Amino acid sequence: MAIFRLELSLRFGDCDPSGIGYFPAYLNLLNSVVEEFWSSLGHPWTQQIKKRSRGTPTAHLSCDFVRPSRFGDRLLFELSIVRIGKSSLELAHRIVCEGEVRWTAKQVLVSADINTGAPASWSRDIRGALQKFMEDEDAYSSAA
């Protein structure tokens, strides 16, 4: 299975007063990873929104928090595609620090027309990029 990897530091603003990762900030980090994933496919959100009037809103998100992360931790986000639907995309996320799983998430994105909010089928080139990613055992990594 192909995996997109991105390592991010847990910053001061991502933590509660005790220095532990704050879950709303985790979701913001997760969104950054998904945005970077689309860029790595050659289809950045800026292009999708401005040129195609397409967005990829989250239709479903579930998270399991296994262990706390602390200010300064380097979190390795691993994203994989579980399923590509007609206008949906199911992702699995695994967030690791020093070899230990900190949290996981399942997410469903929907291809949507940003003017109407209605679901829109994936274009041929987007579907092709998603399928190519799934087939690429070497996967993708990005440094931030």
N, C-alpha and C. Protein backbone atom coordinates (compact mmCIF):
# COMPACT_ATOMS: atom_id res chain seq x y z
N MET A 1 0.84 -1.17 0.00
CA MET A 1 0.00 0.00 0.00
C MET A 1 0.89 1.24 0.00
N ALA A 2 0.56 2.20 -0.84
CA ALA A 2 1.32 3.44 -0.90
C ALA A 2 0.96 4.32 0.29
N ILE A 3 1.97 4.99 0.80
CA ILE A 3 1.78 5.86 1.96
C ILE A 3 2.45 7.21 1.69
N PHE A 4 1.69 8.28 1.90
CA PHE A 4 2.23 9.63 1.86
C PHE A 4 2.67 9.97 3.27
N ARG A 5 3.90 10.46 3.41
CA ARG A 5 4.44 10.78 4.73
C ARG A 5 4.84 12.25 4.79
N LEU A 6 4.52 12.84 5.93
CA LEU A 6 4.90 14.24 6.17
C LEU A 6 5.19 14.38 7.66
N GLU A 7 6.36 14.92 7.98
CA GLU A 7 6.73 15.12 9.38
C GLU A 7 6.52 16.57 9.75
N LEU A 8 5.84 16.80 10.88
CA LEU A 8 5.56 18.14 11.37
C LEU A 8 5.88 18.22 12.85
N SER A 9 6.35 19.37 13.29
CA SER A 9 6.60 19.58 14.71
C SER A 9 5.34 20.03 15.41
N LEU A 10 5.16 19.56 16.63
CA LEU A 10 4.06 20.03 17.45
C LEU A 10 4.53 21.34 18.08
N ARG A 11 3.92 22.43 17.67
CA ARG A 11 4.34 23.77 18.09
C ARG A 11 3.60 24.21 19.35
N PHE A 12 4.09 25.27 19.94
CA PHE A 12 3.52 25.81 21.17
C PHE A 12 2.02 26.08 21.01
N GLY A 13 1.62 26.66 19.89
CA GLY A 13 0.22 26.99 19.64
C GLY A 13 -0.67 25.78 19.40
N ASP A 14 -0.06 24.61 19.22
CA ASP A 14 -0.81 23.37 19.00
C ASP A 14 -1.11 22.65 20.32
N CYS A 15 -0.67 23.23 21.43
CA CYS A 15 -0.75 22.56 22.72
C CYS A 15 -1.64 23.30 23.71
N ASP A 16 -2.11 22.54 24.70
CA ASP A 16 -2.87 23.15 25.80
C ASP A 16 -1.86 23.74 26.80
N PRO A 17 -2.32 24.40 27.87
CA PRO A 17 -1.38 25.03 28.80
C PRO A 17 -0.37 24.07 29.44
N SER A 18 -0.67 22.77 29.48
CA SER A 18 0.27 21.81 30.06
C SER A 18 1.31 21.33 29.06
N GLY A 19 1.22 21.79 27.79
CA GLY A 19 2.19 21.38 26.78
C GLY A 19 1.81 20.12 26.04
N ILE A 20 0.58 19.63 26.22
CA ILE A 20 0.11 18.43 25.53
C ILE A 20 -0.68 18.85 24.29
N GLY A 21 -0.49 18.10 23.19
CA GLY A 21 -1.20 18.39 21.94
C GLY A 21 -2.69 18.53 22.16
N TYR A 22 -3.26 19.59 21.61
CA TYR A 22 -4.68 19.93 21.77
C TYR A 22 -5.41 19.43 20.52
N PHE A 23 -6.47 18.62 20.72
CA PHE A 23 -7.07 17.92 19.59
C PHE A 23 -7.58 18.84 18.47
N PRO A 24 -8.14 20.03 18.73
CA PRO A 24 -8.53 20.87 17.59
C PRO A 24 -7.32 21.26 16.72
N ALA A 25 -6.18 21.47 17.35
CA ALA A 25 -4.96 21.78 16.60
C ALA A 25 -4.52 20.57 15.78
N TYR A 26 -4.71 19.36 16.34
CA TYR A 26 -4.39 18.14 15.59
C TYR A 26 -5.15 18.11 14.26
N LEU A 27 -6.42 18.50 14.31
CA LEU A 27 -7.23 18.47 13.10
C LEU A 27 -6.73 19.48 12.08
N ASN A 28 -6.26 20.61 12.55
CA ASN A 28 -5.68 21.60 11.65
C ASN A 28 -4.40 21.05 11.01
N LEU A 29 -3.58 20.35 11.80
CA LEU A 29 -2.38 19.73 11.25
C LEU A 29 -2.74 18.66 10.22
N LEU A 30 -3.77 17.87 10.53
CA LEU A 30 -4.22 16.83 9.61
C LEU A 30 -4.66 17.45 8.28
N ASN A 31 -5.37 18.57 8.36
CA ASN A 31 -5.80 19.26 7.15
C ASN A 31 -4.59 19.73 6.34
N SER A 32 -3.53 20.18 7.01
CA SER A 32 -2.32 20.60 6.31
C SER A 32 -1.68 19.43 5.57
N VAL A 33 -1.71 18.26 6.20
CA VAL A 33 -1.15 17.05 5.57
C VAL A 33 -1.95 16.70 4.32
N VAL A 34 -3.27 16.74 4.42
CA VAL A 34 -4.12 16.42 3.26
C VAL A 34 -3.88 17.43 2.14
N GLU A 35 -3.74 18.69 2.49
CA GLU A 35 -3.47 19.72 1.47
C GLU A 35 -2.13 19.46 0.78
N GLU A 36 -1.12 19.10 1.55
CA GLU A 36 0.20 18.79 0.98
C GLU A 36 0.14 17.53 0.12
N PHE A 37 -0.67 16.55 0.52
CA PHE A 37 -0.86 15.34 -0.26
C PHE A 37 -1.37 15.68 -1.67
N TRP A 38 -2.40 16.55 -1.75
CA TRP A 38 -2.94 16.93 -3.05
C TRP A 38 -1.89 17.64 -3.89
N SER A 39 -1.07 18.47 -3.25
CA SER A 39 0.01 19.13 -4.00
C SER A 39 1.00 18.12 -4.53
N SER A 40 1.32 17.09 -3.73
CA SER A 40 2.28 16.06 -4.17
C SER A 40 1.75 15.28 -5.37
N LEU A 41 0.42 15.21 -5.50
CA LEU A 41 -0.19 14.52 -6.65
C LEU A 41 -0.16 15.38 -7.91
N GLY A 42 0.21 16.66 -7.74
CA GLY A 42 0.21 17.58 -8.88
C GLY A 42 -1.12 18.31 -9.05
N HIS A 43 -1.96 18.25 -8.03
CA HIS A 43 -3.28 18.88 -8.08
C HIS A 43 -3.53 19.69 -6.80
N PRO A 44 -2.76 20.79 -6.64
CA PRO A 44 -2.93 21.59 -5.42
C PRO A 44 -4.33 22.19 -5.32
N TRP A 45 -4.75 22.40 -4.06
CA TRP A 45 -6.09 22.94 -3.83
C TRP A 45 -6.28 24.28 -4.52
N THR A 46 -5.24 25.11 -4.60
CA THR A 46 -5.40 26.41 -5.26
C THR A 46 -5.86 26.22 -6.70
N GLN A 47 -5.29 25.25 -7.38
CA GLN A 47 -5.68 24.95 -8.77
C GLN A 47 -7.10 24.41 -8.82
N GLN A 48 -7.42 23.52 -7.91
CA GLN A 48 -8.75 22.91 -7.91
C GLN A 48 -9.83 23.97 -7.66
N ILE A 49 -9.59 24.84 -6.71
CA ILE A 49 -10.59 25.85 -6.35
C ILE A 49 -10.68 26.96 -7.38
N LYS A 50 -9.54 27.52 -7.76
CA LYS A 50 -9.54 28.68 -8.66
C LYS A 50 -9.83 28.33 -10.11
N LYS A 51 -9.30 27.22 -10.60
CA LYS A 51 -9.45 26.89 -12.01
C LYS A 51 -10.60 25.94 -12.31
N ARG A 52 -10.91 25.05 -11.36
CA ARG A 52 -11.94 24.04 -11.63
C ARG A 52 -13.21 24.23 -10.82
N SER A 53 -13.17 25.15 -9.87
CA SER A 53 -14.31 25.36 -8.95
C SER A 53 -14.69 24.05 -8.24
N ARG A 54 -13.66 23.33 -7.81
CA ARG A 54 -13.87 22.08 -7.09
C ARG A 54 -13.19 22.16 -5.73
N GLY A 55 -13.84 21.61 -4.75
CA GLY A 55 -13.28 21.50 -3.42
C GLY A 55 -13.33 20.06 -2.97
N THR A 56 -12.71 19.77 -1.83
CA THR A 56 -12.73 18.42 -1.28
C THR A 56 -13.08 18.49 0.21
N PRO A 57 -14.31 18.88 0.52
CA PRO A 57 -14.69 18.96 1.93
C PRO A 57 -14.73 17.58 2.59
N THR A 58 -14.52 17.59 3.89
CA THR A 58 -14.60 16.37 4.67
C THR A 58 -16.05 16.05 4.98
N ALA A 59 -16.47 14.85 4.61
CA ALA A 59 -17.85 14.40 4.87
C ALA A 59 -17.91 13.56 6.15
N HIS A 60 -16.80 12.94 6.49
CA HIS A 60 -16.75 12.10 7.70
C HIS A 60 -15.33 12.13 8.25
N LEU A 61 -15.23 12.17 9.58
CA LEU A 61 -13.92 12.12 10.23
C LEU A 61 -14.08 11.45 11.59
N SER A 62 -13.27 10.44 11.84
CA SER A 62 -13.25 9.82 13.17
C SER A 62 -11.79 9.69 13.59
N CYS A 63 -11.55 9.90 14.87
CA CYS A 63 -10.19 9.88 15.41
C CYS A 63 -10.13 9.02 16.66
N ASP A 64 -9.00 8.37 16.84
CA ASP A 64 -8.70 7.63 18.06
C ASP A 64 -7.36 8.15 18.58
N PHE A 65 -7.39 8.71 19.78
CA PHE A 65 -6.18 9.25 20.39
C PHE A 65 -5.62 8.21 21.34
N VAL A 66 -4.41 7.73 21.02
CA VAL A 66 -3.80 6.61 21.73
C VAL A 66 -2.90 7.08 22.86
N ARG A 67 -2.02 8.02 22.57
CA ARG A 67 -1.06 8.54 23.54
C ARG A 67 -0.91 10.05 23.32
N PRO A 68 -0.64 10.79 24.36
CA PRO A 68 -0.47 12.23 24.18
C PRO A 68 0.86 12.57 23.50
N SER A 69 0.84 13.65 22.79
CA SER A 69 2.06 14.22 22.22
C SER A 69 2.32 15.53 22.94
N ARG A 70 3.58 15.93 22.96
CA ARG A 70 3.96 17.11 23.73
C ARG A 70 4.67 18.13 22.84
N PHE A 71 4.63 19.35 23.31
CA PHE A 71 5.29 20.46 22.65
C PHE A 71 6.70 20.05 22.23
N GLY A 72 7.02 20.26 20.94
CA GLY A 72 8.34 19.93 20.41
C GLY A 72 8.43 18.56 19.76
N ASP A 73 7.48 17.68 20.00
CA ASP A 73 7.51 16.35 19.35
C ASP A 73 7.47 16.50 17.84
N ARG A 74 8.22 15.62 17.15
CA ARG A 74 8.16 15.55 15.69
C ARG A 74 7.18 14.42 15.35
N LEU A 75 6.04 14.79 14.77
CA LEU A 75 5.00 13.83 14.43
C LEU A 75 5.12 13.43 12.97
N LEU A 76 5.14 12.14 12.72
CA LEU A 76 5.15 11.62 11.36
C LEU A 76 3.72 11.25 10.98
N PHE A 77 3.17 11.98 10.03
CA PHE A 77 1.82 11.72 9.54
C PHE A 77 1.93 10.78 8.34
N GLU A 78 1.18 9.69 8.38
CA GLU A 78 1.15 8.72 7.29
C GLU A 78 -0.28 8.67 6.76
N LEU A 79 -0.45 8.94 5.48
CA LEU A 79 -1.75 8.97 4.83
C LEU A 79 -1.79 7.89 3.77
N SER A 80 -2.85 7.11 3.76
CA SER A 80 -3.04 6.12 2.70
C SER A 80 -4.49 6.17 2.22
N ILE A 81 -4.68 5.78 0.97
CA ILE A 81 -6.01 5.75 0.37
C ILE A 81 -6.61 4.37 0.62
N VAL A 82 -7.80 4.35 1.19
CA VAL A 82 -8.52 3.10 1.44
C VAL A 82 -9.41 2.77 0.25
N ARG A 83 -10.10 3.80 -0.28
CA ARG A 83 -11.06 3.57 -1.36
C ARG A 83 -11.29 4.86 -2.14
N ILE A 84 -11.42 4.71 -3.44
CA ILE A 84 -11.80 5.82 -4.31
C ILE A 84 -13.19 5.52 -4.84
N GLY A 85 -14.14 6.40 -4.53
CA GLY A 85 -15.50 6.26 -5.03
C GLY A 85 -15.73 7.16 -6.23
N LYS A 86 -16.97 7.24 -6.68
CA LYS A 86 -17.32 8.09 -7.83
C LYS A 86 -16.99 9.55 -7.54
N SER A 87 -17.35 10.02 -6.34
CA SER A 87 -17.06 11.40 -5.95
C SER A 87 -16.53 11.48 -4.52
N SER A 88 -16.13 10.35 -3.97
CA SER A 88 -15.61 10.34 -2.60
C SER A 88 -14.24 9.68 -2.56
N LEU A 89 -13.55 9.91 -1.45
CA LEU A 89 -12.22 9.37 -1.25
C LEU A 89 -12.08 9.05 0.23
N GLU A 90 -11.81 7.79 0.56
CA GLU A 90 -11.62 7.40 1.94
C GLU A 90 -10.14 7.30 2.26
N LEU A 91 -9.72 8.01 3.29
CA LEU A 91 -8.32 8.05 3.70
C LEU A 91 -8.15 7.44 5.08
N ALA A 92 -6.99 6.85 5.31
CA ALA A 92 -6.60 6.38 6.64
C ALA A 92 -5.35 7.16 7.03
N HIS A 93 -5.34 7.65 8.26
CA HIS A 93 -4.20 8.41 8.77
C HIS A 93 -3.64 7.71 10.00
N ARG A 94 -2.32 7.71 10.09
CA ARG A 94 -1.63 7.16 11.25
C ARG A 94 -0.57 8.18 11.64
N ILE A 95 -0.59 8.61 12.89
CA ILE A 95 0.34 9.64 13.34
C ILE A 95 1.25 9.00 14.39
N VAL A 96 2.55 9.06 14.11
CA VAL A 96 3.55 8.35 14.89
C VAL A 96 4.61 9.33 15.41
N CYS A 97 5.14 9.06 16.59
CA CYS A 97 6.27 9.81 17.13
C CYS A 97 7.23 8.82 17.76
N GLU A 98 8.47 8.85 17.31
CA GLU A 98 9.50 7.95 17.83
C GLU A 98 9.06 6.49 17.81
N GLY A 99 8.41 6.10 16.71
CA GLY A 99 7.98 4.72 16.52
C GLY A 99 6.71 4.33 17.25
N GLU A 100 6.10 5.26 17.96
CA GLU A 100 4.91 4.98 18.75
C GLU A 100 3.70 5.68 18.14
N VAL A 101 2.62 4.92 17.93
CA VAL A 101 1.40 5.52 17.38
C VAL A 101 0.80 6.45 18.43
N ARG A 102 0.57 7.69 18.03
CA ARG A 102 -0.03 8.67 18.94
C ARG A 102 -1.53 8.79 18.71
N TRP A 103 -1.94 8.77 17.42
CA TRP A 103 -3.37 8.79 17.11
C TRP A 103 -3.58 8.34 15.68
N THR A 104 -4.82 7.95 15.39
CA THR A 104 -5.20 7.53 14.04
C THR A 104 -6.49 8.24 13.66
N ALA A 105 -6.76 8.29 12.37
CA ALA A 105 -7.99 8.92 11.90
C ALA A 105 -8.44 8.25 10.61
N LYS A 106 -9.75 8.24 10.43
CA LYS A 106 -10.36 7.82 9.16
C LYS A 106 -11.12 9.03 8.65
N GLN A 107 -10.98 9.30 7.36
CA GLN A 107 -11.55 10.51 6.78
C GLN A 107 -12.14 10.21 5.42
N VAL A 108 -13.29 10.79 5.14
CA VAL A 108 -13.89 10.70 3.82
C VAL A 108 -13.98 12.11 3.26
N LEU A 109 -13.37 12.31 2.10
CA LEU A 109 -13.45 13.57 1.37
C LEU A 109 -14.44 13.39 0.22
N VAL A 110 -15.05 14.49 -0.18
CA VAL A 110 -15.99 14.46 -1.31
C VAL A 110 -15.57 15.50 -2.32
N SER A 111 -15.52 15.12 -3.57
CA SER A 111 -15.32 16.09 -4.64
C SER A 111 -16.61 16.87 -4.79
N ALA A 112 -16.53 18.20 -4.66
CA ALA A 112 -17.74 19.01 -4.68
C ALA A 112 -17.55 20.26 -5.52
N ASP A 113 -18.61 20.65 -6.20
CA ASP A 113 -18.66 21.92 -6.92
C ASP A 113 -18.74 23.02 -5.86
N ILE A 114 -17.77 23.94 -5.84
CA ILE A 114 -17.76 24.94 -4.78
C ILE A 114 -18.86 25.98 -4.92
N ASN A 115 -19.47 26.08 -6.10
CA ASN A 115 -20.55 27.04 -6.29
C ASN A 115 -21.89 26.52 -5.79
N THR A 116 -22.10 25.22 -5.91
CA THR A 116 -23.38 24.63 -5.51
C THR A 116 -23.29 23.75 -4.26
N GLY A 117 -22.09 23.27 -3.97
CA GLY A 117 -21.90 22.35 -2.86
C GLY A 117 -22.28 20.92 -3.20
N ALA A 118 -22.72 20.69 -4.42
CA ALA A 118 -23.15 19.36 -4.85
C ALA A 118 -21.94 18.47 -5.15
N PRO A 119 -22.05 17.17 -4.84
CA PRO A 119 -20.97 16.25 -5.21
C PRO A 119 -20.73 16.27 -6.71
N ALA A 120 -19.48 16.09 -7.09
CA ALA A 120 -19.08 16.07 -8.51
C ALA A 120 -18.11 14.91 -8.70
N SER A 121 -18.29 14.14 -9.74
CA SER A 121 -17.40 13.01 -10.01
C SER A 121 -15.96 13.49 -10.14
N TRP A 122 -15.04 12.62 -9.73
CA TRP A 122 -13.62 12.95 -9.90
C TRP A 122 -13.33 13.06 -11.40
N SER A 123 -12.57 14.05 -11.78
CA SER A 123 -12.15 14.16 -13.18
C SER A 123 -11.20 13.01 -13.49
N ARG A 124 -11.04 12.73 -14.75
CA ARG A 124 -10.19 11.61 -15.17
C ARG A 124 -8.75 11.77 -14.67
N ASP A 125 -8.20 12.99 -14.76
CA ASP A 125 -6.82 13.20 -14.34
C ASP A 125 -6.65 13.07 -12.82
N ILE A 126 -7.64 13.53 -12.05
CA ILE A 126 -7.56 13.39 -10.59
C ILE A 126 -7.67 11.91 -10.21
N ARG A 127 -8.65 11.22 -10.78
CA ARG A 127 -8.80 9.78 -10.50
C ARG A 127 -7.52 9.03 -10.87
N GLY A 128 -6.93 9.39 -12.00
CA GLY A 128 -5.68 8.74 -12.42
C GLY A 128 -4.55 8.98 -11.43
N ALA A 129 -4.44 10.21 -10.93
CA ALA A 129 -3.38 10.53 -9.96
C ALA A 129 -3.60 9.76 -8.66
N LEU A 130 -4.85 9.66 -8.22
CA LEU A 130 -5.17 8.92 -6.99
C LEU A 130 -4.86 7.44 -7.17
N GLN A 131 -5.23 6.87 -8.32
CA GLN A 131 -4.97 5.45 -8.57
C GLN A 131 -3.47 5.19 -8.69
N LYS A 132 -2.76 6.11 -9.37
CA LYS A 132 -1.31 5.95 -9.50
C LYS A 132 -0.65 5.97 -8.13
N PHE A 133 -1.11 6.86 -7.26
CA PHE A 133 -0.57 6.91 -5.90
C PHE A 133 -0.77 5.57 -5.20
N MET A 134 -1.96 4.99 -5.33
CA MET A 134 -2.26 3.71 -4.67
C MET A 134 -1.35 2.59 -5.15
N GLU A 135 -0.92 2.68 -6.41
CA GLU A 135 -0.09 1.63 -7.00
C GLU A 135 1.39 1.82 -6.72
N ASP A 136 1.79 3.02 -6.28
CA ASP A 136 3.19 3.35 -6.09
C ASP A 136 3.68 2.86 -4.72
N GLU A 137 4.35 1.73 -4.71
CA GLU A 137 4.82 1.15 -3.45
C GLU A 137 5.90 2.00 -2.79
N ASP A 138 6.62 2.81 -3.58
CA ASP A 138 7.65 3.66 -3.01
C ASP A 138 7.05 4.83 -2.26
N ALA A 139 5.80 5.13 -2.57
CA ALA A 139 5.02 6.19 -1.91
C ALA A 139 5.68 7.55 -2.06
N TYR A 140 5.16 8.47 -1.32
CA TYR A 140 5.58 9.85 -1.40
C TYR A 140 5.98 10.31 -0.01
N SER A 141 6.95 11.18 0.03
CA SER A 141 7.32 11.82 1.30
C SER A 141 7.49 13.29 1.02
N SER A 142 7.20 14.07 2.00
CA SER A 142 7.37 15.51 1.87
C SER A 142 7.95 16.02 3.17
N ALA A 143 8.87 16.95 3.08
CA ALA A 143 9.46 17.54 4.28
C ALA A 143 8.85 18.91 4.51
N ALA A 144 8.58 19.20 5.75
CA ALA A 144 8.03 20.53 6.08
C ALA A 144 8.84 21.14 7.18
